[in-house]
Protein backbone atom coordinates (compact mmCIF):
# COMPACT_ATOMS: atom_id res chain seq x y z
CA MET A 1 -29.74 -12.54 4.48
CA ASP A 2 -30.78 -11.30 7.93
CA TYR A 3 -27.37 -10.85 9.57
CA GLU A 4 -28.88 -9.73 12.86
CA LYS A 5 -30.99 -12.88 13.03
CA ILE A 6 -28.00 -15.21 12.50
CA GLY A 7 -25.94 -13.16 14.99
CA LEU A 8 -23.03 -12.23 12.75
CA LYS A 9 -20.09 -10.69 14.62
CA SER A 10 -16.93 -9.81 12.78
CA GLY A 11 -13.62 -8.03 13.19
CA ILE A 12 -10.84 -7.15 10.76
CA GLU A 13 -7.08 -7.54 11.18
CA ILE A 14 -5.00 -5.45 8.80
CA HIS A 15 -1.27 -6.03 8.29
CA GLN A 16 0.57 -3.18 6.56
CA GLN A 17 4.28 -3.05 5.67
CA LEU A 18 6.09 0.14 6.68
CA ASP A 19 8.48 1.84 4.25
CA THR A 20 11.72 1.61 6.28
CA HIS A 21 14.63 -0.80 6.74
CA LYS A 22 13.96 -4.02 8.65
CA LEU A 23 12.61 -4.06 12.20
CA PHE A 24 15.48 -5.68 14.12
CA CYS A 25 18.47 -5.10 11.83
CA GLU A 26 19.69 -2.55 9.27
CA CYS A 27 19.06 -4.67 6.16
CA PRO A 28 17.01 -3.06 3.36
CA SER A 29 13.32 -3.94 3.01
CA LEU A 30 13.81 -4.94 -0.61
CA LEU A 31 12.29 -7.89 -2.48
CA ARG A 32 14.66 -9.34 -5.05
CA LYS A 33 14.22 -11.35 -8.25
CA ASP A 34 17.83 -12.41 -8.87
CA ASP A 35 19.14 -15.80 -7.78
CA PRO A 36 20.17 -16.06 -4.09
CA ASP A 37 23.73 -17.03 -3.11
CA ILE A 38 22.92 -18.60 0.28
CA ILE A 39 20.82 -21.74 0.78
CA ILE A 40 20.02 -23.20 4.22
CA LYS A 41 17.83 -26.19 5.15
CA ARG A 42 16.08 -26.62 8.50
CA ARG A 43 13.31 -28.33 10.41
CA LEU A 44 11.34 -26.44 13.07
CA TYR A 45 9.83 -27.67 16.33
CA ALA A 46 7.14 -26.12 18.50
CA ALA A 47 8.29 -24.64 21.84
CA ALA A 48 6.11 -24.21 24.93
CA GLY A 49 4.71 -20.72 25.37
CA GLU A 50 4.51 -18.55 28.49
CA THR A 51 1.77 -20.78 29.94
CA GLY A 52 4.04 -23.84 29.71
CA LYS A 53 1.84 -25.46 27.04
CA VAL A 54 2.52 -26.09 23.35
CA ASP A 55 0.06 -24.21 21.13
CA VAL A 56 -2.36 -26.45 19.21
CA ALA A 57 -1.71 -24.68 15.88
CA ALA A 58 2.07 -24.97 16.34
CA PHE A 59 1.76 -28.67 17.21
CA TYR A 60 -0.34 -29.21 14.07
CA GLU A 61 2.30 -27.54 11.85
CA GLN A 62 5.09 -29.59 13.45
CA SER A 63 3.17 -32.82 12.79
CA LYS A 64 3.51 -32.22 9.02
CA GLN A 65 7.25 -33.08 9.33
CA LYS A 66 8.24 -30.63 6.60
CA GLU A 67 11.75 -29.53 5.71
CA PHE A 68 12.29 -25.82 5.01
CA VAL A 69 14.72 -24.36 2.48
CA TYR A 70 15.77 -20.74 3.04
CA GLU A 71 17.18 -18.58 0.25
CA ALA A 72 19.19 -15.47 1.18
CA TYR A 73 21.62 -12.88 -0.21
CA SER A 74 25.03 -12.13 1.27
CA ASN A 75 24.73 -8.40 0.49
CA SER A 76 21.16 -7.73 1.71
CA THR A 77 20.44 -10.43 4.31
CA CYS A 78 22.23 -10.62 7.65
CA LEU A 79 22.61 -13.20 10.41
CA VAL A 80 19.54 -11.86 12.22
CA GLU A 81 17.26 -13.19 9.45
CA LEU A 82 19.12 -16.51 9.55
CA ASP A 83 18.58 -16.68 13.35
CA GLU A 84 22.35 -16.94 13.85
CA GLU A 85 22.67 -13.59 15.65
CA PRO A 86 20.51 -11.84 18.28
CA PRO A 87 18.16 -9.11 17.03
CA HIS A 88 19.48 -5.55 17.02
CA GLN A 89 17.72 -2.63 18.72
CA ILE A 90 14.23 -1.89 17.42
CA ASN A 91 13.96 0.31 14.32
CA GLU A 92 13.11 3.77 15.76
CA GLU A 93 11.59 5.07 12.52
CA ALA A 94 9.23 2.08 12.29
CA LEU A 95 8.24 2.59 15.94
CA ARG A 96 7.41 6.26 15.29
CA ILE A 97 5.32 5.41 12.21
CA ALA A 98 3.41 2.78 14.21
CA LEU A 99 2.73 5.37 16.93
CA GLN A 100 1.64 7.89 14.29
CA ILE A 101 -0.87 5.35 12.94
CA SER A 102 -2.05 4.60 16.50
CA LEU A 103 -2.80 8.27 17.18
CA LEU A 104 -4.67 8.62 13.86
CA LEU A 105 -6.80 5.64 14.99
CA ASN A 106 -7.53 7.41 18.29
CA ALA A 107 -5.73 4.66 20.23
CA LYS A 108 -3.85 5.03 23.52
CA PRO A 109 -0.13 4.16 23.27
CA LEU A 110 1.48 2.16 26.06
CA ASN A 111 4.20 3.78 28.19
CA VAL A 112 6.33 0.62 28.25
CA THR A 113 5.97 -2.48 26.12
CA GLN A 114 7.65 -5.88 25.85
CA VAL A 115 8.72 -7.53 22.59
CA MET A 116 7.13 -10.99 22.52
CA ARG A 117 7.84 -14.17 20.60
CA LYS A 118 4.84 -15.69 18.84
CA THR A 119 5.40 -19.36 18.01
CA VAL A 120 5.22 -19.92 14.23
CA VAL A 121 6.55 -23.24 12.93
CA ASP A 122 5.10 -23.27 9.41
CA GLY A 123 8.59 -22.30 8.18
CA SER A 124 7.83 -18.64 7.50
CA ASN A 125 10.21 -17.60 10.34
CA THR A 126 13.68 -19.16 10.56
CA SER A 127 13.61 -18.96 14.38
CA GLY A 128 10.27 -20.73 14.79
CA PHE A 129 8.70 -17.54 16.16
CA GLN A 130 7.65 -14.05 15.06
CA ARG A 131 8.66 -11.00 17.10
CA THR A 132 5.78 -8.67 17.92
CA LEU A 133 5.06 -5.89 20.40
CA LEU A 134 1.83 -4.25 21.48
CA ILE A 135 1.99 -0.49 20.76
CA ALA A 136 -1.46 0.89 21.56
CA ARG A 137 -5.00 -0.12 22.57
CA ASN A 138 -8.60 1.06 22.76
CA GLY A 139 -8.89 3.21 19.64
CA PHE A 140 -11.80 3.76 17.25
CA ILE A 141 -12.82 4.92 13.79
CA ASP A 142 -16.15 6.25 12.53
CA VAL A 143 -17.69 4.53 9.52
CA LYS A 144 -20.95 6.02 8.23
CA GLY A 145 -21.75 7.42 11.68
CA LYS A 146 -21.01 4.17 13.54
CA ARG A 147 -18.08 3.84 15.92
CA ILE A 148 -15.91 0.75 15.29
CA GLY A 149 -13.48 -0.10 18.08
CA ILE A 150 -9.77 -0.67 17.49
CA GLN A 151 -8.68 -3.26 20.06
CA ASN A 152 -4.93 -3.46 19.50
CA ILE A 153 -2.17 -2.05 17.33
CA CYS A 154 1.03 -4.08 17.18
CA LEU A 155 4.39 -3.65 15.49
CA GLU A 156 5.89 -6.90 14.24
CA GLU A 157 8.23 -8.41 11.69
CA ASP A 158 6.87 -9.74 8.42
CA SER A 159 7.39 -13.38 7.50
CA ALA A 160 9.53 -14.92 4.77
CA ARG A 161 7.82 -15.39 1.41
CA ILE A 162 7.10 -18.76 -0.19
CA ILE A 163 8.90 -19.41 -3.48
CA LYS A 164 7.75 -23.01 -4.05
CA LYS A 165 6.44 -25.97 -2.06
CA THR A 166 5.81 -29.69 -2.24
CA ASP A 167 4.18 -32.10 0.23
CA LYS A 168 7.42 -32.44 2.21
CA GLU A 169 9.46 -29.32 1.45
CA VAL A 170 8.81 -25.57 1.31
CA THR A 171 11.26 -23.00 -0.09
CA PHE A 172 11.19 -19.52 1.46
CA ARG A 173 13.10 -16.36 0.55
CA LEU A 174 14.36 -14.23 3.44
CA ASP A 175 14.21 -10.83 1.69
CA ARG A 176 10.72 -10.19 3.17
CA LEU A 177 11.47 -11.62 6.63
CA GLY A 178 11.83 -8.79 9.15
CA ILE A 179 10.17 -6.00 7.16
CA PRO A 180 8.30 -3.85 9.74
CA LEU A 181 4.61 -4.60 9.80
CA VAL A 182 1.88 -2.80 11.70
CA GLU A 183 -1.04 -5.04 12.72
CA ILE A 184 -4.39 -3.39 13.46
CA ALA A 185 -7.17 -5.47 15.04
CA THR A 186 -10.70 -4.10 15.30
CA SER A 187 -13.25 -5.06 17.93
CA PRO A 188 -16.00 -7.49 16.81
CA ASP A 189 -18.32 -4.52 16.16
CA ILE A 190 -18.91 -5.29 12.49
CA LYS A 191 -22.41 -6.66 11.93
CA ASN A 192 -22.66 -7.18 8.16
CA PRO A 193 -20.29 -7.96 5.24
CA GLU A 194 -20.58 -4.54 3.55
CA GLU A 195 -19.63 -2.84 6.83
CA ALA A 196 -16.53 -5.06 7.05
CA LYS A 197 -15.39 -3.86 3.61
CA LEU A 198 -15.97 -0.20 4.51
CA VAL A 199 -13.98 -0.58 7.75
CA ALA A 200 -11.03 -2.09 5.84
CA LEU A 201 -11.13 0.72 3.26
CA LYS A 202 -11.28 3.42 5.97
CA ILE A 203 -8.28 1.96 7.83
CA GLY A 204 -6.43 1.59 4.52
CA GLU A 205 -6.99 5.28 3.77
CA ILE A 206 -5.53 6.25 7.17
CA LEU A 207 -2.53 3.97 6.63
CA ARG A 208 -1.77 5.50 3.22
CA SER A 209 -1.43 8.94 4.80
CA CYS A 210 1.67 7.60 6.62
CA LYS A 211 5.00 6.22 5.39
CA VAL A 212 3.87 2.76 4.33
CA LYS A 213 4.77 0.55 1.39
CA ARG A 214 2.42 0.50 -1.60
CA GLY A 215 1.55 -2.21 -4.08
CA ILE A 216 0.46 -5.85 -4.22
CA GLY A 217 1.44 -7.86 -1.14
CA THR A 218 2.28 -4.86 1.05
CA ILE A 219 -1.09 -4.96 2.83
CA ARG A 220 -3.08 -8.02 3.91
CA GLN A 221 -6.50 -8.34 5.54
CA ASP A 222 -7.67 -11.15 7.83
CA VAL A 223 -11.30 -11.56 8.88
CA ASN A 224 -12.44 -12.94 12.25
CA MET A 225 -16.11 -13.90 12.32
CA SER A 226 -18.74 -15.99 14.03
CA ILE A 227 -22.49 -16.55 13.96
CA THR A 228 -24.75 -17.60 16.85
CA ASN A 229 -23.79 -20.96 18.41
CA ARG A 230 -20.85 -21.37 16.02
CA PRO A 231 -17.15 -21.04 16.99
CA ARG A 232 -14.92 -18.20 15.78
CA ILE A 233 -13.26 -18.64 12.38
CA GLU A 234 -10.23 -16.67 11.19
CA ILE A 235 -9.92 -16.15 7.43
CA LYS A 236 -6.35 -15.32 6.41
CA GLY A 237 -5.11 -13.30 3.46
CA VAL A 238 -8.05 -11.49 1.87
CA GLN A 239 -5.80 -9.51 -0.50
CA ASP A 240 -8.42 -7.24 -2.06
CA PRO A 241 -10.77 -5.29 0.28
CA ARG A 242 -13.47 -5.58 -2.38
CA LEU A 243 -13.55 -9.35 -1.73
CA ILE A 244 -14.13 -9.04 2.03
CA ASP A 245 -17.93 -8.90 1.86
CA LYS A 246 -18.15 -11.80 -0.60
CA THR A 247 -15.75 -13.91 1.51
CA ILE A 248 -17.84 -13.38 4.66
CA GLU A 249 -21.07 -14.19 2.79
CA THR A 250 -19.56 -17.39 1.37
CA GLU A 251 -18.26 -18.46 4.81
CA ILE A 252 -21.70 -17.85 6.39
CA GLU A 253 -23.28 -20.06 3.70
CA ARG A 254 -20.70 -22.80 4.39
CA GLN A 255 -21.38 -22.69 8.14
CA LEU A 256 -25.16 -22.69 7.73
CA LYS A 257 -24.87 -25.69 5.40
CA LEU A 258 -22.79 -27.57 8.00
CA LYS A 259 -25.32 -26.63 10.69
CA LYS A 260 -28.15 -27.98 8.55
CA GLN A 261 -26.20 -31.22 8.08
CA LYS A 262 -25.65 -31.31 11.87
CA LYS A 263 -21.88 -31.44 11.39
CA LYS A 264 -19.54 -30.14 14.08
CA LEU A 265 -17.64 -26.92 13.33
CA GLU A 266 -14.27 -26.41 15.03
CA GLN A 267 -12.40 -23.17 15.69
CA GLU A 268 -9.97 -22.95 12.79
CA VAL A 269 -7.92 -20.76 10.49
CA ARG A 270 -8.99 -20.78 6.85
CA LYS A 271 -7.33 -19.40 3.74
CA ALA A 272 -9.15 -16.84 1.57
CA ASN A 273 -9.35 -17.94 -2.07
CA LEU A 274 -9.56 -15.55 -5.03
CA ASP A 275 -13.17 -16.56 -5.80
CA GLY A 276 -14.41 -15.64 -2.30
CA THR A 277 -14.42 -19.20 -0.94
CA THR A 278 -12.18 -20.43 1.90
CA SER A 279 -10.14 -23.57 2.59
CA PHE A 280 -8.79 -25.11 5.82
CA LEU A 281 -5.28 -24.10 6.96
CA ARG A 282 -4.87 -25.13 10.63
CA PRO A 283 -6.59 -25.07 14.05
CA LEU A 284 -7.07 -21.63 15.60
CA PRO A 285 -4.04 -20.70 17.76
CA GLY A 286 -4.42 -19.56 21.37
CA ALA A 287 -2.48 -17.73 24.09
CA ALA A 288 -0.09 -20.66 24.59
CA ARG A 289 2.08 -19.57 21.66
CA MET A 290 3.30 -16.29 23.23
CA TYR A 291 6.41 -15.80 25.39
CA PRO A 292 8.79 -12.87 26.07
CA GLU A 293 11.74 -11.98 23.81
CA THR A 294 14.75 -12.00 26.15
CA ASP A 295 17.27 -10.52 23.67
CA ILE A 296 15.63 -7.06 23.48
CA PRO A 297 15.13 -4.65 26.42
CA LEU A 298 11.74 -3.16 27.26
CA VAL A 299 10.64 -0.52 24.75
CA LYS A 300 9.76 2.83 26.36
CA ILE A 301 7.36 5.24 24.69
CA THR A 302 8.00 8.63 26.29
CA TRP A 303 5.67 11.60 26.62
CA LYS A 304 8.16 13.72 24.62
CA MET A 305 8.20 11.19 21.76
CA LEU A 306 4.40 11.26 21.55
CA GLN A 307 4.30 15.07 21.63
CA ASP A 308 6.82 15.23 18.76
CA ILE A 309 4.76 12.77 16.73
CA LYS A 310 1.50 14.66 17.39
CA LYS A 311 3.05 17.83 15.94
CA SER A 312 3.61 16.15 12.58
CA LEU A 313 0.50 13.98 12.23
CA PRO A 314 -0.61 13.79 8.58
CA ARG A 315 -4.08 15.03 7.68
CA PRO A 316 -6.72 12.43 6.75
CA LYS A 317 -6.76 11.66 3.01
CA HIS A 318 -10.44 12.55 2.56
CA GLU A 319 -9.80 16.07 3.88
CA ILE A 320 -6.84 16.53 1.52
CA ARG A 321 -8.87 15.16 -1.41
CA GLN A 322 -11.75 17.58 -0.73
CA GLU A 323 -9.29 20.47 -0.65
CA LEU A 324 -7.64 19.38 -3.91
CA GLU A 325 -11.02 18.95 -5.63
CA GLU A 326 -11.66 22.67 -5.11
CA LYS A 327 -8.64 23.35 -7.36
CA MET A 328 -8.84 20.56 -9.94
CA HIS A 329 -11.06 17.80 -11.39
CA SER A 330 -11.85 15.06 -8.84
CA GLU A 331 -10.20 12.39 -11.02
CA LEU A 332 -6.94 14.37 -11.04
CA ALA A 333 -7.07 14.75 -7.26
CA LYS A 334 -7.69 11.02 -6.90
CA ALA A 335 -4.76 10.17 -9.20
CA LEU A 336 -2.40 12.50 -7.32
CA LEU A 337 -3.16 10.81 -4.00
CA LYS A 338 -3.19 7.29 -5.46
CA GLU A 339 0.30 7.76 -6.93
CA GLY A 340 1.58 9.19 -3.63
CA LYS A 341 2.72 12.44 -5.26
CA LEU A 342 1.25 14.94 -2.82
CA GLU A 343 4.59 16.07 -1.36
CA ASP A 344 6.07 16.57 -4.85
CA TYR A 345 2.93 18.50 -5.81
CA LYS A 346 3.41 20.86 -2.84
CA VAL A 347 6.95 21.65 -4.07
CA LEU A 348 6.05 22.27 -7.72
CA ILE A 349 2.86 24.24 -7.10
CA LYS A 350 4.90 26.89 -5.28
CA ILE A 351 6.94 27.40 -8.46
CA TYR A 352 4.06 27.40 -10.96
CA ASN A 353 0.51 27.67 -9.61
CA LYS A 354 -1.40 25.54 -12.12
CA PRO A 355 -2.82 22.59 -10.10
CA GLY A 356 -4.20 20.61 -13.06
CA LEU A 357 -1.00 20.82 -15.11
CA ILE A 358 1.27 19.97 -12.16
CA THR A 359 -0.90 16.94 -11.33
CA LYS A 360 -0.73 15.71 -14.94
CA MET A 361 3.07 16.08 -14.88
CA LEU A 362 3.31 14.01 -11.70
CA ALA A 363 0.53 11.43 -11.82
CA ILE A 364 -1.02 11.17 -15.31
CA TRP A 365 1.45 11.73 -18.16
CA PRO A 366 4.32 9.57 -16.82
CA LYS A 367 2.00 6.53 -16.74
CA GLU A 368 0.60 7.29 -20.20
CA ILE A 369 4.11 7.68 -21.65
CA ALA A 370 5.34 4.49 -19.94
CA SER A 371 2.44 2.54 -21.46
CA HIS A 372 2.90 4.07 -24.94
CA GLU A 373 6.68 3.57 -24.99
CA LYS A 374 6.45 0.13 -23.29
CA LEU A 375 8.77 1.19 -20.45
CA SER A 376 8.65 0.30 -16.76
CA MET A 377 7.46 2.95 -14.32
CA GLU A 378 10.73 2.44 -12.45
CA LYS A 379 12.66 3.61 -15.53
CA VAL A 380 10.26 6.51 -16.20
CA ASN A 381 10.44 7.72 -12.58
CA SER A 382 14.22 7.50 -12.55
CA ARG A 383 14.39 9.89 -15.53
CA LEU A 384 11.71 12.24 -14.23
CA SER A 385 13.42 13.07 -10.95
CA MET A 386 12.28 16.04 -8.88
CA ASP A 387 15.31 18.02 -10.12
CA VAL A 388 14.12 17.51 -13.70
CA LEU A 389 10.49 18.37 -12.88
CA GLU A 390 11.55 21.49 -10.96
CA THR A 391 13.61 22.66 -13.96
CA ILE A 392 10.62 22.21 -16.28
CA THR A 393 8.33 24.04 -13.83
CA GLU A 394 10.79 26.94 -13.45
CA ASN A 395 10.90 27.33 -17.24
CA LEU A 396 7.10 27.38 -17.30
CA ALA A 397 7.02 30.09 -14.63
CA SER A 398 9.54 32.24 -16.51
CA GLY A 399 7.65 31.93 -19.81
CA LYS A 400 10.50 30.13 -21.62
CA ILE A 401 8.18 27.23 -22.42
CA ASP A 402 4.38 26.99 -22.71
CA GLN A 403 2.00 24.53 -21.07
CA ILE A 404 1.40 22.87 -24.43
CA ASP A 405 5.12 21.99 -24.60
CA VAL A 406 5.28 20.04 -21.32
CA LYS A 407 4.11 16.58 -22.36
CA LYS A 408 6.45 16.53 -25.38
CA ILE A 409 9.34 17.60 -23.12
CA LEU A 410 8.54 14.72 -20.73
CA VAL A 411 8.51 12.25 -23.65
CA ASP A 412 11.88 13.51 -24.91
CA ILE A 413 13.46 13.23 -21.44
CA ILE A 414 12.05 9.73 -20.88
CA LYS A 415 13.49 8.72 -24.29
CA GLY A 416 16.93 9.82 -23.11
CA ARG A 417 17.36 13.52 -23.94
CA SER A 418 18.76 15.80 -21.25
CA VAL A 419 16.39 18.30 -19.68
CA THR A 420 18.54 21.14 -21.10
CA GLU A 421 18.06 19.88 -24.67
CA ALA A 422 14.39 18.93 -24.18
CA ILE A 423 13.29 22.40 -23.07
CA LYS A 424 14.76 24.07 -26.15
CA ILE A 425 11.37 24.57 -27.76
CA GLU A 426 10.99 26.59 -30.95
CA LYS A 427 8.63 29.49 -30.24
CA VAL A 428 5.82 29.97 -32.75
CA ASP A 429 4.73 33.45 -33.86
CA MET A 430 0.98 33.50 -33.20
CA LYS A 431 0.56 36.56 -35.48
CA LYS A 432 1.98 34.47 -38.31
CA ILE A 433 -0.41 31.63 -37.40
CA GLU A 434 -3.36 34.03 -37.46
CA ASN A 435 -2.43 35.18 -40.97
CA GLU A 436 -2.22 31.58 -42.16
CA ILE A 437 -5.64 30.80 -40.67
CA LYS A 438 -7.11 33.77 -42.54
CA LYS A 439 -5.60 32.43 -45.80
CA PHE A 440 -7.00 28.92 -45.17
CA ILE A 441 -10.49 30.33 -44.57
CA LYS A 442 -10.30 32.52 -47.65
CA LYS A 443 -9.03 29.67 -49.79
CA LYS A 444 -11.53 27.11 -48.47
CA PRO A 445 -14.58 28.97 -47.20
CA GLY A 446 -17.53 27.22 -45.57
CA LEU A 447 -15.63 24.48 -43.74
CA ARG A 448 -16.37 23.61 -40.12
CA ILE A 449 -14.10 24.70 -37.26
CA ASN A 450 -12.72 21.14 -36.87
CA ALA A 451 -11.68 21.04 -40.52
CA TYR A 452 -9.67 24.26 -40.25
CA MET A 453 -8.26 23.00 -36.93
CA GLY A 454 -7.07 19.80 -38.56
CA LEU A 455 -5.21 21.66 -41.30
CA ILE A 456 -3.42 24.01 -38.89
CA MET A 457 -2.62 21.42 -36.20
CA LYS A 458 -1.27 18.97 -38.79
CA LYS A 459 1.15 21.59 -40.13
CA TYR A 460 2.48 22.61 -36.72
CA LYS A 461 2.39 19.13 -35.07
CA GLY A 462 1.65 20.10 -31.47
CA LYS A 463 3.73 23.28 -31.41
CA ILE A 464 0.67 25.49 -30.97
CA ASN A 465 -2.14 25.67 -28.44
CA ALA A 466 -5.40 24.21 -29.79
CA ALA A 467 -7.55 26.54 -27.68
CA GLN A 468 -5.78 29.59 -29.13
CA VAL A 469 -6.29 28.28 -32.66
CA VAL A 470 -10.03 27.79 -32.07
CA GLU A 471 -10.39 31.38 -30.86
CA ILE A 472 -8.60 32.71 -33.93
CA ILE A 473 -10.77 30.62 -36.32
CA LYS A 474 -13.95 31.88 -34.60
CA LYS A 475 -12.87 35.46 -35.32
CA TYR A 476 -12.94 34.85 -39.09
CA ILE A 477 -15.95 32.58 -39.70
């Protein structure tokens, strides 16, 4: 498809949860699976925005006449989420992370900003609005030599999550409501679907260098797009960046088909489906849904705050990965960064300078053991604390245990043994092993190296280093 000919213009909005407590209260940002002990039912109505008009999207949601059920927990949800108490002061840590992200995106932070209310009456906010504040503007990223503008970076509260719904009732859980969320909106500089995917991946890489949540549902991508003589369409909730290009292609095909049929296309919000298609959600909202939050004072971003943040800006992931790949296999470097174990790696490598082994201890073997033993990663990680890993590494550095012992020690600890008991490894006399190898070769001459290896390794069951055994065998055949 000739995207230039059809006049494709696109921008990406990325919403990323930050790894802190909630934005306007001190409740934990923790999703729960147990049954809630608070149930509240409400209906929501659209309020006029700052322009004095009711937003078209809000009016559409109100017209559905739905009742909303809210589930909450008395020990991890407060009155702020229930909209029965004014919001507390803004979460300073979340603000600093949002500013850190802004600087990494080359954006210009505002000196003073106002928390705004964005009318949302689909039930996902108990108050009927979402709190959001503009943090920075006019940034950019480079993607394959092309500069893509970053229009705005906002800090806002995440919405409640849907548990179940019917035609007339939707049940939400309030554990997600209020989790800090940074929203990044690019300029409409993206001119083809593949470029859109690359932009999302580049921004995602920058986000992961900061203190953000990881895992399914912690990051969401929306796509804004239009083609010549067609109105703008917003596609919500493209969960996987790898689906962005397919979703845009499918939407272009839908629009061209409607154009051929001479059917009118309205500005609207559409939902991204898992197969790359889209479905109608609501009309596209406008400026009428915004009005100031009167319960929170203006937020000031001082020169000193920005200077402090600049001093501790994380390095871009691709730079770190290139540096790691000089010390270890690229797949190990990739795994270390993917599992978010870089800071732990920096601690352990100072104790025992073996990059490949330390990476396997942190990012490879725990997952393999969890899969083999059918245990959750949560349980594995709780047993392999940094104190435990530091003890193992110190014993490696002092020569009390060998590298070959480490994986077995990790297995024993994960199965419940204490680190003190697990590191009590019986030392094997390599001179004795060499004598046995000589006897094997004398007794059974003419075998291949692997055959002799099998006999020795079977007898000692992982207590000896395979590479050392190979070298000894080569001496005598």
